[in-house]
Structures are given as structure tokens and as C-alpha cells.
């Protein structure tokens, strides 16, 4: 199992709503899922720039995560996420 941290700054709530409708199926296509997500993340230490939405994603392995982000069939889903505002996803491992 491998995890990814996603942070979203929302400028376009309509794009977020559209993305949420498709994101779960897109993740599942590569064995991924949202482990947890929050619209109210809290800094435990330091002074990070907190996103509007933070999520922890899981995948069976690194190759599955890379397959998800690089899948040409999911380019429209990734475009929706990118149109939300800013979107950063960090693979942890």
C-alpha cells in the first residue's frame, strides 16, 4: 500500500462538485481510494499554508498511483481537478 497527499485550494466550487462526482470511479480504476478528506484541515506544527480541502489517497502500489495520474482516459477528470483552483498531489513513497 502506498499513500498520496492531495491539497486543493478552491476557486471554482462548481468544478469541485463536478470533480467529486467522477473522482471515486477514476481512483478505483487503478485500485485507489480516498482514505480520508477534510474541508477543515488543522496545522499541528509550524505555519503551513492550509488548503481548502486536504485528502489522503491510497493505492495498492506506486505503479498504480502513476497509472492513475498518467491514464489518458482520465485526462478529463484530472482537468476538472486542476480547474478547481490549485491542486497539488504528493506521492508518499
C-alpha atoms as a PDB file:
ATOM      1  CA  UNK A   1       0.000   0.000   0.000  1.00  0.00           C
ATOM      2  CA  UNK A   2       1.188   3.496  -0.858  1.00  0.00           C
ATOM      3  CA  UNK A   3      -0.357   6.849   0.005  1.00  0.00           C
ATOM      4  CA  UNK A   4      -0.640  10.269  -1.587  1.00  0.00           C
ATOM      5  CA  UNK A   5      -1.474  13.615  -0.023  1.00  0.00           C
ATOM      6  CA  UNK A   6      -3.746  15.887  -2.061  1.00  0.00           C
ATOM      7  CA  UNK A   7      -4.297  19.542  -1.263  1.00  0.00           C
ATOM      8  CA  UNK A   8      -6.776  21.713  -3.107  1.00  0.00           C
ATOM      9  CA  UNK A   9      -7.351  25.433  -2.976  1.00  0.00           C
ATOM     10  CA  UNK A  10     -10.867  26.026  -4.273  1.00  0.00           C
ATOM     11  CA  UNK A  11     -11.539  28.959  -6.580  1.00  0.00           C
ATOM     12  CA  UNK A  12     -14.260  27.217  -8.610  1.00  0.00           C
ATOM     13  CA  UNK A  13     -16.797  25.347  -6.411  1.00  0.00           C
ATOM     14  CA  UNK A  14     -18.723  24.140  -9.475  1.00  0.00           C
ATOM     15  CA  UNK A  15     -15.622  22.361 -10.765  1.00  0.00           C
ATOM     16  CA  UNK A  16     -15.146  20.806  -7.317  1.00  0.00           C
ATOM     17  CA  UNK A  17     -18.701  19.446  -7.381  1.00  0.00           C
ATOM     18  CA  UNK A  18     -18.199  18.014 -10.875  1.00  0.00           C
ATOM     19  CA  UNK A  19     -14.859  16.506  -9.864  1.00  0.00           C
ATOM     20  CA  UNK A  20     -16.315  14.825  -6.782  1.00  0.00           C
ATOM     21  CA  UNK A  21     -18.875  13.065  -8.988  1.00  0.00           C
ATOM     22  CA  UNK A  22     -16.095  11.409 -11.027  1.00  0.00           C
ATOM     23  CA  UNK A  23     -13.097  11.199  -8.705  1.00  0.00           C
ATOM     24  CA  UNK A  24     -14.026   7.991  -6.862  1.00  0.00           C
ATOM     25  CA  UNK A  25     -14.537   5.969 -10.039  1.00  0.00           C
ATOM     26  CA  UNK A  26     -11.326   7.382 -11.526  1.00  0.00           C
ATOM     27  CA  UNK A  27      -9.338   6.339  -8.456  1.00  0.00           C
ATOM     28  CA  UNK A  28     -10.964   2.903  -8.348  1.00  0.00           C
ATOM     29  CA  UNK A  29      -9.924   2.291 -11.952  1.00  0.00           C
ATOM     30  CA  UNK A  30      -6.355   1.971 -10.634  1.00  0.00           C
ATOM     31  CA  UNK A  31      -7.139   0.424  -7.252  1.00  0.00           C
ATOM     32  CA  UNK A  32      -7.099   3.772  -5.445  1.00  0.00           C
ATOM     33  CA  UNK A  33      -9.460   5.288  -2.932  1.00  0.00           C
ATOM     34  CA  UNK A  34      -9.855   8.289  -0.669  1.00  0.00           C
ATOM     35  CA  UNK A  35      -8.873   7.184   2.837  1.00  0.00           C
ATOM     36  CA  UNK A  36      -9.901  10.460   4.443  1.00  0.00           C
ATOM     37  CA  UNK A  37     -10.616  14.029   3.395  1.00  0.00           C
ATOM     38  CA  UNK A  38     -11.299  17.269   5.221  1.00  0.00           C
ATOM     39  CA  UNK A  39     -12.580  20.701   4.321  1.00  0.00           C
ATOM     40  CA  UNK A  40     -11.165  21.929   7.650  1.00  0.00           C
ATOM     41  CA  UNK A  41      -7.545  20.752   7.948  1.00  0.00           C
ATOM     42  CA  UNK A  42      -5.660  21.834  11.067  1.00  0.00           C
ATOM     43  CA  UNK A  43      -1.950  22.567  11.320  1.00  0.00           C
ATOM     44  CA  UNK A  44      -0.376  20.569  14.134  1.00  0.00           C
ATOM     45  CA  UNK A  45       3.039  22.213  13.929  1.00  0.00           C
ATOM     46  CA  UNK A  46       4.563  25.101  12.056  1.00  0.00           C
ATOM     47  CA  UNK A  47       2.651  27.542   9.901  1.00  0.00           C
ATOM     48  CA  UNK A  48       1.828  25.784   6.619  1.00  0.00           C
ATOM     49  CA  UNK A  49      -0.482  27.242   4.005  1.00  0.00           C
ATOM     50  CA  UNK A  50      -3.614  25.225   4.697  1.00  0.00           C
ATOM     51  CA  UNK A  51      -5.662  24.147   1.687  1.00  0.00           C
ATOM     52  CA  UNK A  52      -9.437  24.373   1.422  1.00  0.00           C
ATOM     53  CA  UNK A  53      -9.553  20.586   1.020  1.00  0.00           C
ATOM     54  CA  UNK A  54      -6.951  18.018   2.091  1.00  0.00           C
ATOM     55  CA  UNK A  55      -7.145  14.301   1.365  1.00  0.00           C
ATOM     56  CA  UNK A  56      -5.146  11.135   1.823  1.00  0.00           C
ATOM     57  CA  UNK A  57      -5.397   8.746  -1.118  1.00  0.00           C
ATOM     58  CA  UNK A  58      -4.280   5.131  -1.126  1.00  0.00           C
ATOM     59  CA  UNK A  59      -3.156   2.880  -3.962  1.00  0.00           C
ATOM     60  CA  UNK A  60      -2.027  -0.743  -3.976  1.00  0.00           C
ATOM     61  CA  UNK A  61       1.468   0.305  -5.111  1.00  0.00           C
ATOM     62  CA  UNK A  62       3.492   3.060  -6.748  1.00  0.00           C
ATOM     63  CA  UNK A  63       2.762   1.791 -10.256  1.00  0.00           C
ATOM     64  CA  UNK A  64      -0.996   2.031  -9.639  1.00  0.00           C
ATOM     65  CA  UNK A  65      -0.674   5.638  -8.462  1.00  0.00           C
ATOM     66  CA  UNK A  66       1.421   6.540 -11.500  1.00  0.00           C
ATOM     67  CA  UNK A  67      -1.045   4.713 -13.737  1.00  0.00           C
ATOM     68  CA  UNK A  68      -3.896   6.785 -12.299  1.00  0.00           C
ATOM     69  CA  UNK A  69      -2.223  10.163 -12.791  1.00  0.00           C
ATOM     70  CA  UNK A  70      -0.926   9.262 -16.266  1.00  0.00           C
ATOM     71  CA  UNK A  71      -4.043   7.461 -17.601  1.00  0.00           C
ATOM     72  CA  UNK A  72      -5.077   9.276 -20.819  1.00  0.00           C
ATOM     73  CA  UNK A  73      -8.655   8.076 -20.325  1.00  0.00           C
ATOM     74  CA  UNK A  74      -8.780  10.123 -17.102  1.00  0.00           C
ATOM     75  CA  UNK A  75      -7.435  13.369 -18.555  1.00  0.00           C
ATOM     76  CA  UNK A  76     -10.884  14.997 -18.337  1.00  0.00           C
ATOM     77  CA  UNK A  77     -11.153  14.082 -14.638  1.00  0.00           C
ATOM     78  CA  UNK A  78      -7.684  15.465 -13.890  1.00  0.00           C
ATOM     79  CA  UNK A  79      -8.577  18.618 -15.846  1.00  0.00           C
ATOM     80  CA  UNK A  80     -11.664  19.090 -13.648  1.00  0.00           C
ATOM     81  CA  UNK A  81      -9.473  18.849 -10.536  1.00  0.00           C
ATOM     82  CA  UNK A  82      -6.962  21.324 -11.935  1.00  0.00           C
ATOM     83  CA  UNK A  83      -9.789  23.750 -12.769  1.00  0.00           C
ATOM     84  CA  UNK A  84     -10.867  23.842  -9.117  1.00  0.00           C
ATOM     85  CA  UNK A  85      -8.111  26.362  -8.361  1.00  0.00           C
ATOM     86  CA  UNK A  86      -4.784  24.913  -7.337  1.00  0.00           C
ATOM     87  CA  UNK A  87      -4.204  21.213  -6.936  1.00  0.00           C
ATOM     88  CA  UNK A  88      -1.088  19.513  -5.570  1.00  0.00           C
ATOM     89  CA  UNK A  89      -0.745  15.761  -5.085  1.00  0.00           C
ATOM     90  CA  UNK A  90       2.327  14.283  -3.431  1.00  0.00           C
ATOM     91  CA  UNK A  91       3.096  10.562  -3.566  1.00  0.00           C
ATOM     92  CA  UNK A  92       4.494   9.409  -0.230  1.00  0.00           C
ATOM     93  CA  UNK A  93       6.917   6.711  -1.205  1.00  0.00           C
END
